[in-house]
Amino acid sequence: MRRKIAAGLLGFFVFGTTAAFAEEISLKDGTKLIGHMTAIDGDKIEVETAYGKIMVKRSDILTIVFTENGGLPPTPAVTGGVIGAVRPRTDSVISSPVALPLPKIDETLDGSSYTNRTGNFTLKLPPDWKSAAAQRRYGSTVAYLSSADNTQFVLVAQEQYPGTLDSYKDYVMLYTRRGFDGMEELGHTAATIDGKSVMLLNYRGMSKESKMPLQFITALIPAGDNYVKVSAWCVEPLFHDMQPKFEKILNSYHSTAGSTGTRGMKP
């Protein structure tokens, strides 16, 4: 049974980090935007399209649909009130962009002491844990760690985001929902990690890829103009038993630099 659980969880991670999504946003005036939502600022959402960034009022949005289409549409045209190339061209074939190699992570794991020199931080891990850096798919992810049996996971990301902690939480949940059915936020609380006021966010959902119920606890840590996101998760039936261990790992986060570098925008 544990092998099946591990395989399912690894399948979830591959899905959650390799599937390329775009958002199709339908506005009340009939306009459709195709692109990626990159920020939430009060009652406005920033959308990056093939033409650049556009600010949209939440009240003007009718629907948001997440689509697997390999990223931003390759045809920069406005057709029938659609911004960002919602309709593919039929007179030619355009290849999807080629993914660039991710930067190598400089990290060491000595017993329970984990040091990440790329992201300038340390963690305390259970003694049987390991690095799974090869599973990274986004430049914002500076650490990916797992238990020896691949049933428990921790991911550390560093993201550029100009808004408040509350709006960053909305941003994180917005992008997390695309990989789950029935995503449910279970609550969030204030805490102190590494001497900073942070938010602990708890949520769960059914992975669309593995069809397994997963539960997460995530620490959102302000770092200057950026944020550090430390997430721990496992299958939901095991989460209650694993939560104290996860919280101990999250609470052990310690920055080894005055400010945290920026690694990208995708969680």
C-alpha atoms as a PDB file:
ATOM      1  CA  MET A   1       0.000   0.000   0.000  1.00  0.00           C
ATOM      2  CA  ARG A   2       2.783   2.462   0.793  1.00  0.00           C
ATOM      3  CA  ARG A   3       4.275   1.914  -2.686  1.00  0.00           C
ATOM      4  CA  LYS A   4       0.956   2.810  -4.266  1.00  0.00           C
ATOM      5  CA  ILE A   5       0.661   5.934  -2.127  1.00  0.00           C
ATOM      6  CA  ALA A   6       4.189   7.011  -3.000  1.00  0.00           C
ATOM      7  CA  ALA A   7       3.628   6.509  -6.724  1.00  0.00           C
ATOM      8  CA  GLY A   8       0.440   8.534  -6.569  1.00  0.00           C
ATOM      9  CA  LEU A   9       2.068  11.383  -4.720  1.00  0.00           C
ATOM     10  CA  LEU A  10       4.969  11.534  -7.151  1.00  0.00           C
ATOM     11  CA  GLY A  11       2.438  11.567  -9.954  1.00  0.00           C
ATOM     12  CA  PHE A  12       0.746  14.539  -8.326  1.00  0.00           C
ATOM     13  CA  PHE A  13       3.982  16.452  -8.111  1.00  0.00           C
ATOM     14  CA  VAL A  14       4.835  15.860 -11.752  1.00  0.00           C
ATOM     15  CA  PHE A  15       1.326  17.021 -12.705  1.00  0.00           C
ATOM     16  CA  GLY A  16       1.426  20.021 -10.436  1.00  0.00           C
ATOM     17  CA  THR A  17       4.701  21.280 -11.831  1.00  0.00           C
ATOM     18  CA  THR A  18       4.825  20.201 -15.484  1.00  0.00           C
ATOM     19  CA  ALA A  19       1.309  20.827 -16.764  1.00  0.00           C
ATOM     20  CA  ALA A  20       1.287  24.154 -18.608  1.00  0.00           C
ATOM     21  CA  PHE A  21      -1.768  26.241 -17.872  1.00  0.00           C
ATOM     22  CA  ALA A  22      -3.231  29.466 -19.128  1.00  0.00           C
ATOM     23  CA  GLU A  23      -6.248  31.274 -17.785  1.00  0.00           C
ATOM     24  CA  GLU A  24      -9.178  32.141 -20.041  1.00  0.00           C
ATOM     25  CA  ILE A  25     -10.942  35.068 -18.386  1.00  0.00           C
ATOM     26  CA  SER A  26     -14.364  36.059 -19.684  1.00  0.00           C
ATOM     27  CA  LEU A  27     -15.475  39.597 -18.896  1.00  0.00           C
ATOM     28  CA  LYS A  28     -19.039  40.803 -18.602  1.00  0.00           C
ATOM     29  CA  ASP A  29     -18.664  42.953 -21.726  1.00  0.00           C
ATOM     30  CA  GLY A  30     -17.909  39.872 -23.844  1.00  0.00           C
ATOM     31  CA  THR A  31     -14.121  40.277 -23.939  1.00  0.00           C
ATOM     32  CA  LYS A  32     -11.940  37.236 -23.330  1.00  0.00           C
ATOM     33  CA  LEU A  33      -8.388  37.448 -21.976  1.00  0.00           C
ATOM     34  CA  ILE A  34      -5.900  34.620 -22.427  1.00  0.00           C
ATOM     35  CA  GLY A  35      -2.802  34.689 -20.249  1.00  0.00           C
ATOM     36  CA  HIS A  36      -1.534  34.165 -16.703  1.00  0.00           C
ATOM     37  CA  MET A  37      -2.780  35.930 -13.579  1.00  0.00           C
ATOM     38  CA  THR A  38       0.352  37.283 -11.941  1.00  0.00           C
ATOM     39  CA  ALA A  39      -0.879  39.465  -9.063  1.00  0.00           C
ATOM     40  CA  ILE A  40      -3.903  40.449  -7.018  1.00  0.00           C
ATOM     41  CA  ASP A  41      -4.117  44.024  -5.751  1.00  0.00           C
ATOM     42  CA  GLY A  42      -7.285  44.834  -3.842  1.00  0.00           C
ATOM     43  CA  ASP A  43     -10.217  44.573  -6.238  1.00  0.00           C
ATOM     44  CA  LYS A  44      -7.979  44.173  -9.310  1.00  0.00           C
ATOM     45  CA  ILE A  45      -6.213  41.199 -10.886  1.00  0.00           C
ATOM     46  CA  GLU A  46      -3.130  41.591 -13.069  1.00  0.00           C
ATOM     47  CA  VAL A  47      -3.145  39.364 -16.187  1.00  0.00           C
ATOM     48  CA  GLU A  48      -0.056  38.865 -18.360  1.00  0.00           C
ATOM     49  CA  THR A  49      -1.088  38.350 -21.997  1.00  0.00           C
ATOM     50  CA  ALA A  50       0.802  38.195 -25.288  1.00  0.00           C
ATOM     51  CA  TYR A  51       0.360  41.982 -25.443  1.00  0.00           C
ATOM     52  CA  GLY A  52       1.623  42.712 -21.961  1.00  0.00           C
ATOM     53  CA  LYS A  53       0.078  43.124 -18.527  1.00  0.00           C
ATOM     54  CA  ILE A  54      -3.551  44.158 -18.098  1.00  0.00           C
ATOM     55  CA  MET A  55      -5.328  45.120 -14.859  1.00  0.00           C
ATOM     56  CA  VAL A  56      -8.882  43.756 -14.571  1.00  0.00           C
ATOM     57  CA  LYS A  57     -11.466  44.578 -11.911  1.00  0.00           C
ATOM     58  CA  ARG A  58     -12.776  41.507 -10.089  1.00  0.00           C
ATOM     59  CA  SER A  59     -16.319  42.802 -10.484  1.00  0.00           C
ATOM     60  CA  ASP A  60     -15.903  42.789 -14.291  1.00  0.00           C
ATOM     61  CA  ILE A  61     -14.990  39.072 -14.408  1.00  0.00           C
ATOM     62  CA  LEU A  62     -17.701  36.628 -15.415  1.00  0.00           C
ATOM     63  CA  THR A  63     -15.748  33.336 -15.447  1.00  0.00           C
ATOM     64  CA  ILE A  64     -12.157  32.054 -15.188  1.00  0.00           C
ATOM     65  CA  VAL A  65     -11.233  28.784 -16.909  1.00  0.00           C
ATOM     66  CA  PHE A  66      -7.846  27.085 -16.522  1.00  0.00           C
ATOM     67  CA  THR A  67      -6.690  25.376 -19.723  1.00  0.00           C
ATOM     68  CA  GLU A  68      -3.751  23.104 -20.515  1.00  0.00           C
ATOM     69  CA  ASN A  69      -2.321  24.694 -23.641  1.00  0.00           C
ATOM     70  CA  GLY A  70       1.419  24.877 -23.204  1.00  0.00           C
ATOM     71  CA  GLY A  71       1.539  28.399 -21.816  1.00  0.00           C
ATOM     72  CA  LEU A  72       0.744  31.742 -23.354  1.00  0.00           C
ATOM     73  CA  PRO A  73      -0.814  31.466 -26.820  1.00  0.00           C
ATOM     74  CA  PRO A  74       1.825  31.762 -29.570  1.00  0.00           C
ATOM     75  CA  THR A  75      -0.281  33.915 -31.951  1.00  0.00           C
ATOM     76  CA  PRO A  76      -0.342  37.553 -30.763  1.00  0.00           C
ATOM     77  CA  ALA A  77      -3.585  38.680 -32.403  1.00  0.00           C
ATOM     78  CA  VAL A  78      -6.847  40.272 -31.327  1.00  0.00           C
ATOM     79  CA  THR A  79      -9.804  38.464 -32.917  1.00  0.00           C
ATOM     80  CA  GLY A  80     -13.470  39.099 -32.278  1.00  0.00           C
ATOM     81  CA  GLY A  81     -13.010  40.921 -28.987  1.00  0.00           C
ATOM     82  CA  VAL A  82     -10.480  38.404 -27.705  1.00  0.00           C
ATOM     83  CA  ILE A  83      -7.208  39.713 -26.274  1.00  0.00           C
ATOM     84  CA  GLY A  84      -4.119  37.500 -26.161  1.00  0.00           C
ATOM     85  CA  ALA A  85      -4.767  35.155 -29.102  1.00  0.00           C
ATOM     86  CA  VAL A  86      -7.608  33.020 -27.881  1.00  0.00           C
ATOM     87  CA  ARG A  87      -8.249  31.671 -31.372  1.00  0.00           C
ATOM     88  CA  PRO A  88      -5.363  29.683 -32.910  1.00  0.00           C
ATOM     89  CA  ARG A  89      -4.277  30.524 -36.437  1.00  0.00           C
ATOM     90  CA  THR A  90      -5.163  27.934 -39.068  1.00  0.00           C
ATOM     91  CA  ASP A  91      -2.831  29.099 -41.839  1.00  0.00           C
ATOM     92  CA  SER A  92       0.375  27.972 -40.169  1.00  0.00           C
ATOM     93  CA  VAL A  93       1.750  25.728 -37.465  1.00  0.00           C
ATOM     94  CA  ILE A  94       3.549  27.413 -34.576  1.00  0.00           C
ATOM     95  CA  SER A  95       5.628  25.391 -32.128  1.00  0.00           C
ATOM     96  CA  SER A  96       5.260  25.775 -28.364  1.00  0.00           C
ATOM     97  CA  PRO A  97       8.137  27.483 -26.560  1.00  0.00           C
ATOM     98  CA  VAL A  98      10.978  25.208 -25.478  1.00  0.00           C
ATOM     99  CA  ALA A  99      11.449  24.988 -21.704  1.00  0.00           C
ATOM    100  CA  LEU A 100      14.830  26.294 -20.579  1.00  0.00           C
ATOM    101  CA  PRO A 101      17.005  24.274 -18.176  1.00  0.00           C
ATOM    102  CA  LEU A 102      16.498  25.254 -14.567  1.00  0.00           C
ATOM    103  CA  PRO A 103      19.438  26.657 -12.611  1.00  0.00           C
ATOM    104  CA  LYS A 104      21.278  24.100 -10.517  1.00  0.00           C
ATOM    105  CA  ILE A 105      20.544  24.154  -6.803  1.00  0.00           C
ATOM    106  CA  ASP A 106      23.477  24.427  -4.394  1.00  0.00           C
ATOM    107  CA  GLU A 107      22.373  22.417  -1.358  1.00  0.00           C
ATOM    108  CA  THR A 108      23.686  19.984   1.246  1.00  0.00           C
ATOM    109  CA  LEU A 109      21.936  17.635   3.652  1.00  0.00           C
ATOM    110  CA  ASP A 110      24.039  16.556   6.611  1.00  0.00           C
ATOM    111  CA  GLY A 111      21.931  14.330   8.842  1.00  0.00           C
ATOM    112  CA  SER A 112      18.963  16.478   9.769  1.00  0.00           C
ATOM    113  CA  SER A 113      20.621  19.796   8.818  1.00  0.00           C
ATOM    114  CA  TYR A 114      19.634  21.045   5.374  1.00  0.00           C
ATOM    115  CA  THR A 115      21.449  24.047   3.871  1.00  0.00           C
ATOM    116  CA  ASN A 116      20.394  25.730   0.650  1.00  0.00           C
ATOM    117  CA  ARG A 117      22.945  28.245  -0.623  1.00  0.00           C
ATOM    118  CA  THR A 118      20.920  29.083  -3.726  1.00  0.00           C
ATOM    119  CA  GLY A 119      17.985  30.336  -1.684  1.00  0.00           C
ATOM    120  CA  ASN A 120      20.078  31.338   1.355  1.00  0.00           C
ATOM    121  CA  PHE A 121      18.215  29.376   4.036  1.00  0.00           C
ATOM    122  CA  THR A 122      18.411  26.344   6.291  1.00  0.00           C
ATOM    123  CA  LEU A 123      15.896  23.777   7.544  1.00  0.00           C
ATOM    124  CA  LYS A 124      15.857  20.984  10.104  1.00  0.00           C
ATOM    125  CA  LEU A 125      14.570  17.729   8.598  1.00  0.00           C
ATOM    126  CA  PRO A 126      13.790  14.276   9.987  1.00  0.00           C
ATOM    127  CA  PRO A 127      16.921  12.099   9.714  1.00  0.00           C
ATOM    128  CA  ASP A 128      15.547   9.847   6.950  1.00  0.00           C
ATOM    129  CA  TRP A 129      14.624  12.644   4.531  1.00  0.00           C
ATOM    130  CA  LYS A 130      16.323  13.352   1.204  1.00  0.00           C
ATOM    131  CA  SER A 131      16.563  15.951  -1.556  1.00  0.00           C
ATOM    132  CA  ALA A 132      14.567  15.422  -4.730  1.00  0.00           C
ATOM    133  CA  ALA A 133      15.844  18.472  -6.615  1.00  0.00           C
ATOM    134  CA  ALA A 134      15.474  16.660  -9.945  1.00  0.00           C
ATOM    135  CA  GLN A 135      11.692  16.952  -9.531  1.00  0.00           C
ATOM    136  CA  ARG A 136      11.799  20.752  -9.771  1.00  0.00           C
ATOM    137  CA  ARG A 137       9.961  22.228 -12.730  1.00  0.00           C
ATOM    138  CA  TYR A 138       9.887  25.964 -11.977  1.00  0.00           C
ATOM    139  CA  GLY A 139      12.685  28.410 -11.303  1.00  0.00           C
ATOM    140  CA  SER A 140      10.846  29.728  -8.261  1.00  0.00           C
ATOM    141  CA  THR A 141      11.269  26.337  -6.544  1.00  0.00           C
ATOM    142  CA  VAL A 142      14.604  26.372  -4.717  1.00  0.00           C
ATOM    143  CA  ALA A 143      14.113  23.173  -2.704  1.00  0.00           C
ATOM    144  CA  TYR A 144      12.105  19.984  -3.057  1.00  0.00           C
ATOM    145  CA  LEU A 145      12.495  17.451  -0.263  1.00  0.00           C
ATOM    146  CA  SER A 146      10.830  14.170   0.627  1.00  0.00           C
ATOM    147  CA  SER A 147      10.739  11.392   3.173  1.00  0.00           C
ATOM    148  CA  ALA A 148      12.661   8.227   2.327  1.00  0.00           C
ATOM    149  CA  ASP A 149       9.461   6.417   1.279  1.00  0.00           C
ATOM    150  CA  ASN A 150       8.196   9.326  -0.877  1.00  0.00           C
ATOM    151  CA  THR A 151       4.969   9.805   1.091  1.00  0.00           C
ATOM    152  CA  GLN A 152       5.712  13.201   2.687  1.00  0.00           C
ATOM    153  CA  PHE A 153       6.997  16.284   0.911  1.00  0.00           C
ATOM    154  CA  VAL A 154       8.303  19.790   1.515  1.00  0.00           C
ATOM    155  CA  LEU A 155       8.746  22.434  -1.169  1.00  0.00           C
ATOM    156  CA  VAL A 156      10.355  25.853  -0.779  1.00  0.00           C
ATOM    157  CA  ALA A 157       9.704  28.566  -3.350  1.00  0.00           C
ATOM    158  CA  GLN A 158      10.842  32.184  -3.540  1.00  0.00           C
ATOM    159  CA  GLU A 159       8.490  34.423  -5.475  1.00  0.00           C
ATOM    160  CA  GLN A 160       8.409  38.061  -6.481  1.00  0.00           C
ATOM    161  CA  TYR A 161       5.095  39.575  -5.432  1.00  0.00           C
ATOM    162  CA  PRO A 162       4.477  43.279  -4.721  1.00  0.00           C
ATOM    163  CA  GLY A 163       1.242  42.977  -2.730  1.00  0.00           C
ATOM    164  CA  THR A 164       0.288  42.403   0.883  1.00  0.00           C
ATOM    165  CA  LEU A 165       0.488  39.090   2.721  1.00  0.00           C
ATOM    166  CA  ASP A 166      -3.293  38.685   2.491  1.00  0.00           C
ATOM    167  CA  SER A 167      -3.327  39.234  -1.266  1.00  0.00           C
ATOM    168  CA  TYR A 168      -0.359  36.888  -1.696  1.00  0.00           C
ATOM    169  CA  LYS A 169      -2.396  34.222   0.080  1.00  0.00           C
ATOM    170  CA  ASP A 170      -5.174  34.762  -2.479  1.00  0.00           C
ATOM    171  CA  TYR A 171      -2.605  34.516  -5.275  1.00  0.00           C
ATOM    172  CA  VAL A 172      -1.237  31.220  -3.925  1.00  0.00           C
ATOM    173  CA  MET A 173      -4.684  29.691  -3.571  1.00  0.00           C
ATOM    174  CA  LEU A 174      -5.687  30.894  -7.037  1.00  0.00           C
ATOM    175  CA  TYR A 175      -2.840  29.009  -8.669  1.00  0.00           C
ATOM    176  CA  THR A 176      -3.109  25.971  -6.400  1.00  0.00           C
ATOM    177  CA  ARG A 177      -6.758  25.388  -7.327  1.00  0.00           C
ATOM    178  CA  ARG A 178      -5.909  24.612 -10.942  1.00  0.00           C
ATOM    179  CA  GLY A 179      -4.408  21.229 -10.011  1.00  0.00           C
ATOM    180  CA  PHE A 180      -7.254  20.077  -7.753  1.00  0.00           C
ATOM    181  CA  ASP A 181     -10.909  19.210  -7.668  1.00  0.00           C
ATOM    182  CA  GLY A 182     -12.824  20.334  -4.605  1.00  0.00           C
ATOM    183  CA  MET A 183     -10.025  22.525  -3.281  1.00  0.00           C
ATOM    184  CA  GLU A 184     -10.957  23.679   0.214  1.00  0.00           C
ATOM    185  CA  GLU A 185      -9.182  26.242   2.360  1.00  0.00           C
ATOM    186  CA  LEU A 186      -9.348  24.940   5.934  1.00  0.00           C
ATOM    187  CA  GLY A 187      -8.138  28.124   7.556  1.00  0.00           C
ATOM    188  CA  HIS A 188      -5.146  30.347   8.141  1.00  0.00           C
ATOM    189  CA  THR A 189      -3.448  31.612  11.281  1.00  0.00           C
ATOM    190  CA  ALA A 190      -0.767  34.123  12.200  1.00  0.00           C
ATOM    191  CA  ALA A 191       2.575  32.787  13.422  1.00  0.00           C
ATOM    192  CA  THR A 192       6.206  33.788  13.844  1.00  0.00           C
ATOM    193  CA  ILE A 193       8.940  32.035  11.855  1.00  0.00           C
ATOM    194  CA  ASP A 194      12.554  33.202  11.695  1.00  0.00           C
ATOM    195  CA  GLY A 195      11.573  36.302  13.651  1.00  0.00           C
ATOM    196  CA  LYS A 196       8.998  37.367  11.033  1.00  0.00           C
ATOM    197  CA  SER A 197       5.212  37.579  11.183  1.00  0.00           C
ATOM    198  CA  VAL A 198       3.971  34.919   8.766  1.00  0.00           C
ATOM    199  CA  MET A 199       0.753  33.219   7.715  1.00  0.00           C
ATOM    200  CA  LEU A 200       0.159  29.481   8.120  1.00  0.00           C
ATOM    201  CA  LEU A 201      -2.286  28.303   5.484  1.00  0.00           C
ATOM    202  CA  ASN A 202      -4.064  24.936   5.609  1.00  0.00           C
ATOM    203  CA  TYR A 203      -5.925  23.485   2.624  1.00  0.00           C
ATOM    204  CA  ARG A 204      -6.850  20.196   0.946  1.00  0.00           C
ATOM    205  CA  GLY A 205      -8.140  18.876  -2.345  1.00  0.00           C
ATOM    206  CA  MET A 206      -8.323  15.942  -4.740  1.00  0.00           C
ATOM    207  CA  SER A 207      -5.387  15.837  -7.144  1.00  0.00           C
ATOM    208  CA  LYS A 208      -6.671  15.872 -10.718  1.00  0.00           C
ATOM    209  CA  GLU A 209      -3.739  13.732 -11.845  1.00  0.00           C
ATOM    210  CA  SER A 210      -3.399  11.069  -9.131  1.00  0.00           C
ATOM    211  CA  LYS A 211      -7.037  11.197  -7.938  1.00  0.00           C
ATOM    212  CA  MET A 212      -5.711  11.175  -4.373  1.00  0.00           C
ATOM    213  CA  PRO A 213      -6.851  13.447  -1.523  1.00  0.00           C
ATOM    214  CA  LEU A 214      -3.944  15.598  -0.357  1.00  0.00           C
ATOM    215  CA  GLN A 215      -3.665  18.041   2.522  1.00  0.00           C
ATOM    216  CA  PHE A 216      -1.174  20.888   2.848  1.00  0.00           C
ATOM    217  CA  ILE A 217       0.214  23.248   5.429  1.00  0.00           C
ATOM    218  CA  THR A 218       2.035  26.235   3.948  1.00  0.00           C
ATOM    219  CA  ALA A 219       3.998  29.033   5.562  1.00  0.00           C
ATOM    220  CA  LEU A 220       3.929  32.355   3.685  1.00  0.00           C
ATOM    221  CA  ILE A 221       6.967  34.343   4.812  1.00  0.00           C
ATOM    222  CA  PRO A 222       7.538  37.987   3.794  1.00  0.00           C
ATOM    223  CA  ALA A 223      11.074  38.682   2.561  1.00  0.00           C
ATOM    224  CA  GLY A 224      11.455  42.305   1.542  1.00  0.00           C
ATOM    225  CA  ASP A 225       9.575  42.808  -1.722  1.00  0.00           C
ATOM    226  CA  ASN A 226       9.347  39.029  -2.166  1.00  0.00           C
ATOM    227  CA  TYR A 227       7.817  36.056  -0.369  1.00  0.00           C
ATOM    228  CA  VAL A 228       9.073  32.639   0.661  1.00  0.00           C
ATOM    229  CA  LYS A 229       6.541  29.820   0.462  1.00  0.00           C
ATOM    230  CA  VAL A 230       7.304  26.670   2.466  1.00  0.00           C
ATOM    231  CA  SER A 231       4.740  23.914   1.819  1.00  0.00           C
ATOM    232  CA  ALA A 232       4.468  20.471   3.388  1.00  0.00           C
ATOM    233  CA  TRP A 233       1.935  17.832   2.352  1.00  0.00           C
ATOM    234  CA  CYS A 234       0.906  14.188   2.293  1.00  0.00           C
ATOM    235  CA  VAL A 235      -2.224  12.162   1.597  1.00  0.00           C
ATOM    236  CA  GLU A 236      -5.088  13.505   3.672  1.00  0.00           C
ATOM    237  CA  PRO A 237      -5.671  10.371   5.837  1.00  0.00           C
ATOM    238  CA  LEU A 238      -2.079  10.646   7.131  1.00  0.00           C
ATOM    239  CA  PHE A 239      -2.010  14.417   7.594  1.00  0.00           C
ATOM    240  CA  HIS A 240      -3.240  14.517  11.199  1.00  0.00           C
ATOM    241  CA  ASP A 241      -0.358  12.270  12.282  1.00  0.00           C
ATOM    242  CA  MET A 242       2.181  14.121  10.116  1.00  0.00           C
ATOM    243  CA  GLN A 243       1.143  17.682  11.000  1.00  0.00           C
ATOM    244  CA  PRO A 244       3.385  18.063  14.104  1.00  0.00           C
ATOM    245  CA  LYS A 245       6.364  16.947  12.035  1.00  0.00           C
ATOM    246  CA  PHE A 246       5.456  19.325   9.215  1.00  0.00           C
ATOM    247  CA  GLU A 247       5.024  22.252  11.582  1.00  0.00           C
ATOM    248  CA  LYS A 248       8.424  21.533  13.125  1.00  0.00           C
ATOM    249  CA  ILE A 249      10.033  21.632   9.678  1.00  0.00           C
ATOM    250  CA  LEU A 250       8.295  24.878   8.744  1.00  0.00           C
ATOM    251  CA  ASN A 251       9.222  26.493  12.065  1.00  0.00           C
ATOM    252  CA  SER A 252      12.872  25.573  11.511  1.00  0.00           C
ATOM    253  CA  TYR A 253      13.140  27.781   8.417  1.00  0.00           C
ATOM    254  CA  HIS A 254      15.967  30.283   8.840  1.00  0.00           C
ATOM    255  CA  SER A 255      17.181  32.804   6.277  1.00  0.00           C
ATOM    256  CA  THR A 256      20.957  33.073   6.008  1.00  0.00           C
ATOM    257  CA  ALA A 257      20.868  36.342   4.045  1.00  0.00           C
ATOM    258  CA  GLY A 258      19.582  39.819   4.697  1.00  0.00           C
ATOM    259  CA  SER A 259      17.120  39.522   1.811  1.00  0.00           C
ATOM    260  CA  THR A 260      15.839  36.625  -0.264  1.00  0.00           C
ATOM    261  CA  GLY A 261      16.574  36.386  -3.947  1.00  0.00           C
ATOM    262  CA  THR A 262      13.864  36.224  -6.573  1.00  0.00           C
ATOM    263  CA  ARG A 263      13.490  32.986  -8.536  1.00  0.00           C
ATOM    264  CA  GLY A 264      10.326  33.541 -10.549  1.00  0.00           C
ATOM    265  CA  MET A 265       6.568  33.955 -10.379  1.00  0.00           C
ATOM    266  CA  LYS A 266       5.095  30.460 -10.714  1.00  0.00           C
ATOM    267  CA  PRO A 267       4.304  28.546  -7.556  1.00  0.00           C
END
